[in-house]
Amino acid sequence: MSTGREIRSYDYVNRPYERVRDALRQNALTVFQSATKAAASRAQSIAAELHVDLGGIGVKTDINISVKNIEEIVDATSTPTTRLLLEWEAATVPGLFPLMKGELSLYPLTSTETQLDFSGFYEPPFGAVGRTMNAIVGHRIAEVSVHRFVSDVAGYLRQALP
């Protein structure tokens, strides 16, 4: 992946793995955009949105998500796993926000439940000053926003998939 600070988050979708996999393989960006948009009128945007409420202060920014690769790993000795390699950055003034690189893995837990597991790294902006700010509060904002992203995607899939 990358150097930087690691973030992990996971959630569950009470739908079969095949349905979740197919939805993300067919159009992951639409799923991400639909899951993270606060208002239906903005659903047509090419950006998604990350939002965090940290100590009563709302922080949000539109992000550009790109899916770099999708691979499915199937072998006889383990459960199938689909991995989406993702990158995202702020849609406007990307230098003010961290660049995130990560992997969203999905795999069946049971015949009717799928786990979404995100593991990624981000680099705080502004060099040494950014690393200091990150140590104080930035890492909390990044962790909460990633957790919110994974929860939003899982919630959307629970509602959207039959």
Protein backbone atom coordinates (compact mmCIF):
# COMPACT_ATOMS: atom_id res chain seq x y z
CA MET A 1 0.00 0.00 0.00
CA SER A 2 1.80 3.11 1.26
CA THR A 3 3.57 4.71 4.14
CA GLY A 4 1.50 6.86 6.44
CA ARG A 5 -1.03 6.23 9.14
CA GLU A 6 -3.12 3.06 8.90
CA ILE A 7 -6.88 3.06 9.30
CA ARG A 8 -9.12 -0.01 9.48
CA SER A 9 -12.89 -0.22 9.63
CA TYR A 10 -15.50 -2.87 8.96
CA ASP A 11 -19.25 -3.36 8.80
CA TYR A 12 -21.71 -6.05 7.78
CA VAL A 13 -24.36 -6.32 5.10
CA ASN A 14 -27.14 -8.81 5.75
CA ARG A 15 -27.22 -9.84 2.10
CA PRO A 16 -25.51 -12.75 0.31
CA TYR A 17 -21.93 -12.17 -0.77
CA GLU A 18 -22.77 -12.67 -4.46
CA ARG A 19 -25.30 -9.79 -4.43
CA VAL A 20 -22.93 -7.44 -2.64
CA ARG A 21 -20.02 -8.42 -4.90
CA ASP A 22 -22.07 -7.97 -8.05
CA ALA A 23 -23.34 -4.53 -6.98
CA LEU A 24 -19.81 -3.30 -6.33
CA ARG A 25 -18.27 -4.94 -9.40
CA GLN A 26 -20.95 -3.54 -11.71
CA ASN A 27 -20.73 0.06 -10.51
CA ALA A 28 -18.80 0.72 -7.32
CA LEU A 29 -18.65 4.48 -7.87
CA THR A 30 -22.44 4.74 -8.06
CA VAL A 31 -22.75 2.74 -4.85
CA PHE A 32 -20.20 4.97 -3.09
CA GLN A 33 -21.81 8.17 -4.36
CA SER A 34 -25.33 7.06 -3.49
CA ALA A 35 -24.22 5.86 -0.06
CA THR A 36 -22.36 8.99 0.94
CA LYS A 37 -24.45 11.80 -0.52
CA ALA A 38 -26.48 13.71 2.03
CA ALA A 39 -28.97 15.10 -0.50
CA ALA A 40 -30.62 13.32 -3.41
CA SER A 41 -30.20 16.42 -5.58
CA ARG A 42 -26.43 15.95 -5.43
CA ALA A 43 -26.52 12.27 -6.39
CA GLN A 44 -25.55 13.05 -9.98
CA SER A 45 -22.24 14.63 -8.93
CA ILE A 46 -19.02 12.82 -9.77
CA ALA A 47 -17.85 13.38 -6.23
CA ALA A 48 -18.91 11.58 -3.10
CA GLU A 49 -18.92 13.24 0.30
CA LEU A 50 -17.24 12.40 3.57
CA HIS A 51 -18.74 13.92 6.68
CA VAL A 52 -17.75 13.83 10.33
CA ASP A 53 -19.20 15.31 13.51
CA LEU A 54 -16.35 15.69 15.95
CA GLY A 55 -17.14 17.34 19.26
CA GLY A 56 -20.06 19.26 17.81
CA ILE A 57 -18.04 20.59 14.88
CA GLY A 58 -19.12 19.36 11.47
CA VAL A 59 -16.39 18.68 8.95
CA LYS A 60 -17.28 17.65 5.43
CA THR A 61 -15.77 17.72 2.01
CA ASP A 62 -16.62 16.37 -1.39
CA ILE A 63 -14.16 13.72 -2.49
CA ASN A 64 -13.17 12.16 -5.76
CA ILE A 65 -13.01 8.39 -5.39
CA SER A 66 -11.27 6.25 -7.94
CA VAL A 67 -11.39 2.48 -8.11
CA LYS A 68 -7.94 1.42 -9.24
CA ASN A 69 -8.60 -2.30 -9.45
CA ILE A 70 -11.18 -4.96 -8.60
CA GLU A 71 -10.10 -8.54 -8.12
CA GLU A 72 -11.85 -11.64 -6.90
CA ILE A 73 -9.83 -14.32 -5.17
CA VAL A 74 -11.35 -17.78 -5.26
CA ASP A 75 -9.52 -20.92 -4.26
CA ALA A 76 -10.56 -24.28 -2.90
CA THR A 77 -9.12 -23.72 0.58
CA SER A 78 -10.78 -20.45 1.60
CA THR A 79 -13.89 -18.35 1.13
CA PRO A 80 -14.08 -16.09 -1.92
CA THR A 81 -12.91 -12.52 -1.41
CA THR A 82 -13.37 -9.47 -3.61
CA ARG A 83 -10.92 -6.58 -3.22
CA LEU A 84 -11.42 -3.07 -4.49
CA LEU A 85 -8.31 -0.89 -4.51
CA LEU A 86 -9.44 2.67 -3.81
CA GLU A 87 -7.95 6.14 -3.68
CA TRP A 88 -9.68 9.33 -2.67
CA GLU A 89 -8.83 12.96 -2.26
CA ALA A 90 -10.74 16.17 -1.71
CA ALA A 91 -12.51 17.33 -4.87
CA THR A 92 -11.52 20.95 -4.26
CA VAL A 93 -8.25 22.06 -2.68
CA PRO A 94 -6.91 18.51 -2.30
CA GLY A 95 -3.76 19.87 -0.65
CA LEU A 96 -5.77 20.74 2.46
CA PHE A 97 -6.94 17.17 3.08
CA PRO A 98 -5.18 13.80 3.28
CA LEU A 99 -4.84 11.50 0.29
CA MET A 100 -6.29 8.09 1.19
CA LYS A 101 -5.21 4.81 -0.40
CA GLY A 102 -6.92 1.65 0.69
CA GLU A 103 -8.53 -1.65 0.00
CA LEU A 104 -12.18 -2.51 0.54
CA SER A 105 -12.47 -6.28 0.89
CA LEU A 106 -15.72 -8.17 0.99
CA TYR A 107 -16.28 -11.78 1.86
CA PRO A 108 -19.12 -14.02 3.03
CA LEU A 109 -19.59 -14.62 6.73
CA THR A 110 -22.62 -16.84 6.22
CA SER A 111 -24.86 -17.58 3.25
CA THR A 112 -26.84 -14.39 4.02
CA GLU A 113 -24.23 -12.03 5.49
CA THR A 114 -21.22 -10.28 3.95
CA GLN A 115 -18.43 -8.40 5.69
CA LEU A 116 -16.98 -5.17 4.31
CA ASP A 117 -13.45 -4.64 5.60
CA PHE A 118 -11.53 -1.43 4.82
CA SER A 119 -7.80 -1.14 5.36
CA GLY A 120 -5.94 1.92 4.19
CA PHE A 121 -3.24 4.50 4.70
CA TYR A 122 -3.31 8.25 4.47
CA GLU A 123 -0.72 10.97 4.35
CA PRO A 124 -1.55 14.15 6.25
CA PRO A 125 -1.07 17.35 4.24
CA PHE A 126 1.43 20.12 5.10
CA GLY A 127 4.51 18.00 5.89
CA ALA A 128 5.83 18.34 9.47
CA VAL A 129 3.07 20.79 10.47
CA GLY A 130 0.47 18.36 9.11
CA ARG A 131 2.00 15.46 11.02
CA THR A 132 1.80 17.49 14.24
CA MET A 133 -1.84 18.46 13.56
CA ASN A 134 -2.56 14.84 12.70
CA ALA A 135 -1.15 13.71 16.04
CA ILE A 136 -3.42 16.17 17.88
CA VAL A 137 -6.75 15.72 16.08
CA GLY A 138 -6.32 14.88 12.39
CA HIS A 139 -6.11 11.13 12.86
CA ARG A 140 -9.45 11.16 14.74
CA ILE A 141 -11.11 13.00 11.87
CA ALA A 142 -9.64 10.54 9.35
CA GLU A 143 -10.68 7.51 11.43
CA VAL A 144 -14.22 8.78 11.96
CA SER A 145 -14.64 9.69 8.28
CA VAL A 146 -13.45 6.23 7.12
CA HIS A 147 -15.74 4.52 9.63
CA ARG A 148 -18.63 6.69 8.42
CA PHE A 149 -17.82 5.88 4.78
CA VAL A 150 -17.84 2.11 5.42
CA SER A 151 -21.04 2.38 7.50
CA ASP A 152 -22.73 4.47 4.80
CA VAL A 153 -21.79 1.95 2.09
CA ALA A 154 -23.00 -0.99 4.20
CA GLY A 155 -26.25 0.82 5.05
CA TYR A 156 -26.88 1.68 1.42
CA LEU A 157 -26.28 -1.92 0.32
CA ARG A 158 -28.63 -3.24 3.04
CA GLN A 159 -31.39 -0.98 1.71
CA ALA A 160 -30.69 -1.16 -2.02
CA LEU A 161 -30.16 -4.89 -2.48
CA PRO A 162 -33.16 -7.23 -2.48
